[in-house]
Amino acid sequence: MTAATRRLWLYGLLLLLPALAVGALALGLLAREQDRLAEREQAARETRRAAVETRAR
């Protein structure tokens, strides 16, 4: 392997590794956001149900 080839591999890795790290971080953030939205949806559903029960009385 020549020096130029090694340098190209190194540059490729230097570009690939941060890109993979950013992608993994983005997926983690999306999972957290999905959980947060599910919790808010559940709370809203419970609030609506309580309001309907209160009106029905």
PDB file of N, CA and C in Angstrom:
ATOM      1  N   MET A   1       0.853  -1.169   0.000  1.00  0.00           N
ATOM      2  CA  MET A   1       0.000   0.000   0.000  1.00  0.00           C
ATOM      3  C   MET A   1       0.901   1.235   0.000  1.00  0.00           C
ATOM      4  N   THR A   2       0.633   2.117  -0.916  1.00  0.00           N
ATOM      5  CA  THR A   2       1.461   3.317  -1.016  1.00  0.00           C
ATOM      6  C   THR A   2       1.004   4.360   0.000  1.00  0.00           C
ATOM      7  N   ALA A   3       1.821   5.376   0.160  1.00  0.00           N
ATOM      8  CA  ALA A   3       1.502   6.436   1.112  1.00  0.00           C
ATOM      9  C   ALA A   3       0.228   7.176   0.702  1.00  0.00           C
ATOM     10  N   ALA A   4       0.043   7.369  -0.591  1.00  0.00           N
ATOM     11  CA  ALA A   4      -1.153   8.071  -1.067  1.00  0.00           C
ATOM     12  C   ALA A   4      -2.410   7.251  -0.781  1.00  0.00           C
ATOM     13  N   THR A   5      -2.319   5.944  -0.961  1.00  0.00           N
ATOM     14  CA  THR A   5      -3.468   5.079  -0.689  1.00  0.00           C
ATOM     15  C   THR A   5      -3.810   5.094   0.793  1.00  0.00           C
ATOM     16  N   ARG A   6      -2.769   5.015   1.630  1.00  0.00           N
ATOM     17  CA  ARG A   6      -2.990   5.062   3.079  1.00  0.00           C
ATOM     18  C   ARG A   6      -3.628   6.388   3.489  1.00  0.00           C
ATOM     19  N   ARG A   7      -3.164   7.448   2.883  1.00  0.00           N
ATOM     20  CA  ARG A   7      -3.702   8.766   3.190  1.00  0.00           C
ATOM     21  C   ARG A   7      -5.181   8.858   2.792  1.00  0.00           C
ATOM     22  N   LEU A   8      -5.532   8.294   1.636  1.00  0.00           N
ATOM     23  CA  LEU A   8      -6.933   8.291   1.211  1.00  0.00           C
ATOM     24  C   LEU A   8      -7.808   7.496   2.183  1.00  0.00           C
ATOM     25  N   TRP A   9      -7.316   6.352   2.627  1.00  0.00           N
ATOM     26  CA  TRP A   9      -8.060   5.556   3.612  1.00  0.00           C
ATOM     27  C   TRP A   9      -8.248   6.345   4.910  1.00  0.00           C
ATOM     28  N   LEU A  10      -7.208   7.010   5.338  1.00  0.00           N
ATOM     29  CA  LEU A  10      -7.286   7.795   6.566  1.00  0.00           C
ATOM     30  C   LEU A  10      -8.296   8.929   6.418  1.00  0.00           C
ATOM     31  N   TYR A  11      -8.250   9.640   5.311  1.00  0.00           N
ATOM     32  CA  TYR A  11      -9.210  10.720   5.087  1.00  0.00           C
ATOM     33  C   TYR A  11     -10.638  10.174   5.025  1.00  0.00           C
ATOM     34  N   GLY A  12     -10.803   9.041   4.389  1.00  0.00           N
ATOM     35  CA  GLY A  12     -12.126   8.411   4.327  1.00  0.00           C
ATOM     36  C   GLY A  12     -12.644   8.066   5.710  1.00  0.00           C
ATOM     37  N   LEU A  13     -11.776   7.492   6.534  1.00  0.00           N
ATOM     38  CA  LEU A  13     -12.184   7.162   7.902  1.00  0.00           C
ATOM     39  C   LEU A  13     -12.474   8.417   8.713  1.00  0.00           C
ATOM     40  N   LEU A  14     -11.674   9.454   8.509  1.00  0.00           N
ATOM     41  CA  LEU A  14     -11.901  10.705   9.231  1.00  0.00           C
ATOM     42  C   LEU A  14     -13.231  11.354   8.844  1.00  0.00           C
ATOM     43  N   LEU A  15     -13.715  11.073   7.660  1.00  0.00           N
ATOM     44  CA  LEU A  15     -15.034  11.563   7.254  1.00  0.00           C
ATOM     45  C   LEU A  15     -16.150  10.616   7.699  1.00  0.00           C
ATOM     46  N   LEU A  16     -15.893   9.325   7.609  1.00  0.00           N
ATOM     47  CA  LEU A  16     -16.923   8.334   7.898  1.00  0.00           C
ATOM     48  C   LEU A  16     -17.259   8.239   9.382  1.00  0.00           C
ATOM     49  N   LEU A  17     -16.267   8.217  10.233  1.00  0.00           N
ATOM     50  CA  LEU A  17     -16.511   8.020  11.660  1.00  0.00           C
ATOM     51  C   LEU A  17     -17.354   9.136  12.283  1.00  0.00           C
ATOM     52  N   PRO A  18     -17.044  10.406  12.045  1.00  0.00           N
ATOM     53  CA  PRO A  18     -17.928  11.445  12.599  1.00  0.00           C
ATOM     54  C   PRO A  18     -19.342  11.394  12.002  1.00  0.00           C
ATOM     55  N   ALA A  19     -19.445  11.046  10.726  1.00  0.00           N
ATOM     56  CA  ALA A  19     -20.768  10.955  10.103  1.00  0.00           C
ATOM     57  C   ALA A  19     -21.590   9.855  10.770  1.00  0.00           C
ATOM     58  N   LEU A  20     -20.973   8.725  11.060  1.00  0.00           N
ATOM     59  CA  LEU A  20     -21.674   7.643  11.749  1.00  0.00           C
ATOM     60  C   LEU A  20     -22.056   8.048  13.167  1.00  0.00           C
ATOM     61  N   ALA A  21     -21.169   8.769  13.835  1.00  0.00           N
ATOM     62  CA  ALA A  21     -21.460   9.226  15.199  1.00  0.00           C
ATOM     63  C   ALA A  21     -22.637  10.199  15.200  1.00  0.00           C
ATOM     64  N   VAL A  22     -22.664  11.118  14.258  1.00  0.00           N
ATOM     65  CA  VAL A  22     -23.772  12.075  14.170  1.00  0.00           C
ATOM     66  C   VAL A  22     -25.072  11.341  13.855  1.00  0.00           C
ATOM     67  N   GLY A  23     -25.015  10.360  12.978  1.00  0.00           N
ATOM     68  CA  GLY A  23     -26.205   9.572  12.655  1.00  0.00           C
ATOM     69  C   GLY A  23     -26.734   8.817  13.864  1.00  0.00           C
ATOM     70  N   ALA A  24     -25.834   8.208  14.629  1.00  0.00           N
ATOM     71  CA  ALA A  24     -26.250   7.486  15.835  1.00  0.00           C
ATOM     72  C   ALA A  24     -26.857   8.443  16.852  1.00  0.00           C
ATOM     73  N   LEU A  25     -26.260   9.608  17.003  1.00  0.00           N
ATOM     74  CA  LEU A  25     -26.798  10.613  17.923  1.00  0.00           C
ATOM     75  C   LEU A  25     -28.186  11.069  17.471  1.00  0.00           C
ATOM     76  N   ALA A  26     -28.352  11.277  16.184  1.00  0.00           N
ATOM     77  CA  ALA A  26     -29.653  11.703  15.658  1.00  0.00           C
ATOM     78  C   ALA A  26     -30.714  10.636  15.911  1.00  0.00           C
ATOM     79  N   LEU A  27     -30.368   9.369  15.724  1.00  0.00           N
ATOM     80  CA  LEU A  27     -31.329   8.298  15.987  1.00  0.00           C
ATOM     81  C   LEU A  27     -31.702   8.246  17.464  1.00  0.00           C
ATOM     82  N   GLY A  28     -30.728   8.458  18.331  1.00  0.00           N
ATOM     83  CA  GLY A  28     -31.015   8.490  19.765  1.00  0.00           C
ATOM     84  C   GLY A  28     -31.940   9.632  20.130  1.00  0.00           C
ATOM     85  N   LEU A  29     -31.692  10.801  19.552  1.00  0.00           N
ATOM     86  CA  LEU A  29     -32.554  11.955  19.817  1.00  0.00           C
ATOM     87  C   LEU A  29     -33.969  11.732  19.287  1.00  0.00           C
ATOM     88  N   LEU A  30     -34.078  11.099  18.124  1.00  0.00           N
ATOM     89  CA  LEU A  30     -35.402  10.806  17.577  1.00  0.00           C
ATOM     90  C   LEU A  30     -36.162   9.821  18.462  1.00  0.00           C
ATOM     91  N   ALA A  31     -35.471   8.840  19.009  1.00  0.00           N
ATOM     92  CA  ALA A  31     -36.121   7.881  19.904  1.00  0.00           C
ATOM     93  C   ALA A  31     -36.616   8.583  21.170  1.00  0.00           C
ATOM     94  N   ARG A  32     -35.797   9.479  21.724  1.00  0.00           N
ATOM     95  CA  ARG A  32     -36.223  10.230  22.913  1.00  0.00           C
ATOM     96  C   ARG A  32     -37.432  11.101  22.604  1.00  0.00           C
ATOM     97  N   GLU A  33     -37.432  11.738  21.449  1.00  0.00           N
ATOM     98  CA  GLU A  33     -38.554  12.602  21.066  1.00  0.00           C
ATOM     99  C   GLU A  33     -39.822  11.776  20.874  1.00  0.00           C
ATOM    100  N   GLN A  34     -39.687  10.602  20.296  1.00  0.00           N
ATOM    101  CA  GLN A  34     -40.843   9.729  20.105  1.00  0.00           C
ATOM    102  C   GLN A  34     -41.427   9.317  21.459  1.00  0.00           C
ATOM    103  N   ASP A  35     -40.580   8.990  22.419  1.00  0.00           N
ATOM    104  CA  ASP A  35     -41.047   8.645  23.763  1.00  0.00           C
ATOM    105  C   ASP A  35     -41.745   9.832  24.419  1.00  0.00           C
ATOM    106  N   ARG A  36     -41.168  11.010  24.268  1.00  0.00           N
ATOM    107  CA  ARG A  36     -41.755  12.214  24.858  1.00  0.00           C
ATOM    108  C   ARG A  36     -43.134  12.501  24.263  1.00  0.00           C
ATOM    109  N   LEU A  37     -43.249  12.360  22.947  1.00  0.00           N
ATOM    110  CA  LEU A  37     -44.545  12.589  22.304  1.00  0.00           C
ATOM    111  C   LEU A  37     -45.577  11.551  22.733  1.00  0.00           C
ATOM    112  N   ALA A  38     -45.160  10.318  22.911  1.00  0.00           N
ATOM    113  CA  ALA A  38     -46.082   9.276  23.370  1.00  0.00           C
ATOM    114  C   ALA A  38     -46.584   9.586  24.777  1.00  0.00           C
ATOM    115  N   GLU A  39     -45.705  10.080  25.639  1.00  0.00           N
ATOM    116  CA  GLU A  39     -46.123  10.452  26.994  1.00  0.00           C
ATOM    117  C   GLU A  39     -47.120  11.607  26.960  1.00  0.00           C
ATOM    118  N   ARG A  40     -46.847  12.600  26.129  1.00  0.00           N
ATOM    119  CA  ARG A  40     -47.765  13.748  26.031  1.00  0.00           C
ATOM    120  C   ARG A  40     -49.114  13.311  25.467  1.00  0.00           C
ATOM    121  N   GLU A  41     -49.094  12.400  24.501  1.00  0.00           N
ATOM    122  CA  GLU A  41     -50.339  11.900  23.926  1.00  0.00           C
ATOM    123  C   GLU A  41     -51.161  11.175  24.989  1.00  0.00           C
ATOM    124  N   GLN A  42     -50.497  10.356  25.797  1.00  0.00           N
ATOM    125  CA  GLN A  42     -51.191   9.630  26.858  1.00  0.00           C
ATOM    126  C   GLN A  42     -51.788  10.602  27.876  1.00  0.00           C
ATOM    127  N   ALA A  43     -51.033  11.625  28.252  1.00  0.00           N
ATOM    128  CA  ALA A  43     -51.537  12.615  29.207  1.00  0.00           C
ATOM    129  C   ALA A  43     -52.734  13.364  28.630  1.00  0.00           C
ATOM    130  N   ALA A  44     -52.674  13.720  27.365  1.00  0.00           N
ATOM    131  CA  ALA A  44     -53.790  14.423  26.725  1.00  0.00           C
ATOM    132  C   ALA A  44     -55.019  13.524  26.659  1.00  0.00           C
ATOM    133  N   ARG A  45     -54.811  12.248  26.361  1.00  0.00           N
ATOM    134  CA  ARG A  45     -55.926  11.307  26.298  1.00  0.00           C
ATOM    135  C   ARG A  45     -56.605  11.184  27.669  1.00  0.00           C
ATOM    136  N   GLU A  46     -55.792  11.091  28.718  1.00  0.00           N
ATOM    137  CA  GLU A  46     -56.350  10.994  30.071  1.00  0.00           C
ATOM    138  C   GLU A  46     -57.098  12.273  30.456  1.00  0.00           C
ATOM    139  N   THR A  47     -56.565  13.419  30.069  1.00  0.00           N
ATOM    140  CA  THR A  47     -57.226  14.690  30.367  1.00  0.00           C
ATOM    141  C   THR A  47     -58.565  14.786  29.651  1.00  0.00           C
ATOM    142  N   ARG A  48     -58.600  14.385  28.383  1.00  0.00           N
ATOM    143  CA  ARG A  48     -59.859  14.405  27.632  1.00  0.00           C
ATOM    144  C   ARG A  48     -60.884  13.455  28.244  1.00  0.00           C
ATOM    145  N   ARG A  49     -60.428  12.267  28.640  1.00  0.00           N
ATOM    146  CA  ARG A  49     -61.338  11.296  29.236  1.00  0.00           C
ATOM    147  C   ARG A  49     -61.923  11.845  30.543  1.00  0.00           C
ATOM    148  N   ALA A  50     -61.080  12.482  31.358  1.00  0.00           N
ATOM    149  CA  ALA A  50     -61.559  13.064  32.615  1.00  0.00           C
ATOM    150  C   ALA A  50     -62.557  14.184  32.348  1.00  0.00           C
ATOM    151  N   ALA A  51     -62.309  14.987  31.323  1.00  0.00           N
ATOM    152  CA  ALA A  51     -63.230  16.077  30.986  1.00  0.00           C
ATOM    153  C   ALA A  51     -64.572  15.528  30.523  1.00  0.00           C
ATOM    154  N   VAL A  52     -64.545  14.479  29.724  1.00  0.00           N
ATOM    155  CA  VAL A  52     -65.790  13.873  29.243  1.00  0.00           C
ATOM    156  C   VAL A  52     -66.557  13.270  30.412  1.00  0.00           C
ATOM    157  N   GLU A  53     -65.871  12.598  31.318  1.00  0.00           N
ATOM    158  CA  GLU A  53     -66.540  12.009  32.481  1.00  0.00           C
ATOM    159  C   GLU A  53     -67.154  13.093  33.362  1.00  0.00           C
ATOM    160  N   THR A  54     -66.460  14.210  33.514  1.00  0.00           N
ATOM    161  CA  THR A  54     -66.974  15.306  34.330  1.00  0.00           C
ATOM    162  C   THR A  54     -68.228  15.905  33.704  1.00  0.00           C
ATOM    163  N   ARG A  55     -68.226  16.078  32.390  1.00  0.00           N
ATOM    164  CA  ARG A  55     -69.395  16.629  31.699  1.00  0.00           C
ATOM    165  C   ARG A  55     -70.574  15.663  31.727  1.00  0.00           C
ATOM    166  N   ALA A  56     -70.296  14.375  31.725  1.00  0.00           N
ATOM    167  CA  ALA A  56     -71.357  13.370  31.677  1.00  0.00           C
ATOM    168  C   ALA A  56     -72.121  13.292  32.994  1.00  0.00           C
ATOM    169  N   ARG A  57     -71.558  13.789  34.060  1.00  0.00           N
ATOM    170  CA  ARG A  57     -72.222  13.701  35.375  1.00  0.00           C
ATOM    171  C   ARG A  57     -73.296  14.688  35.540  1.00  0.00           C
TER     172      ARG A  57
END
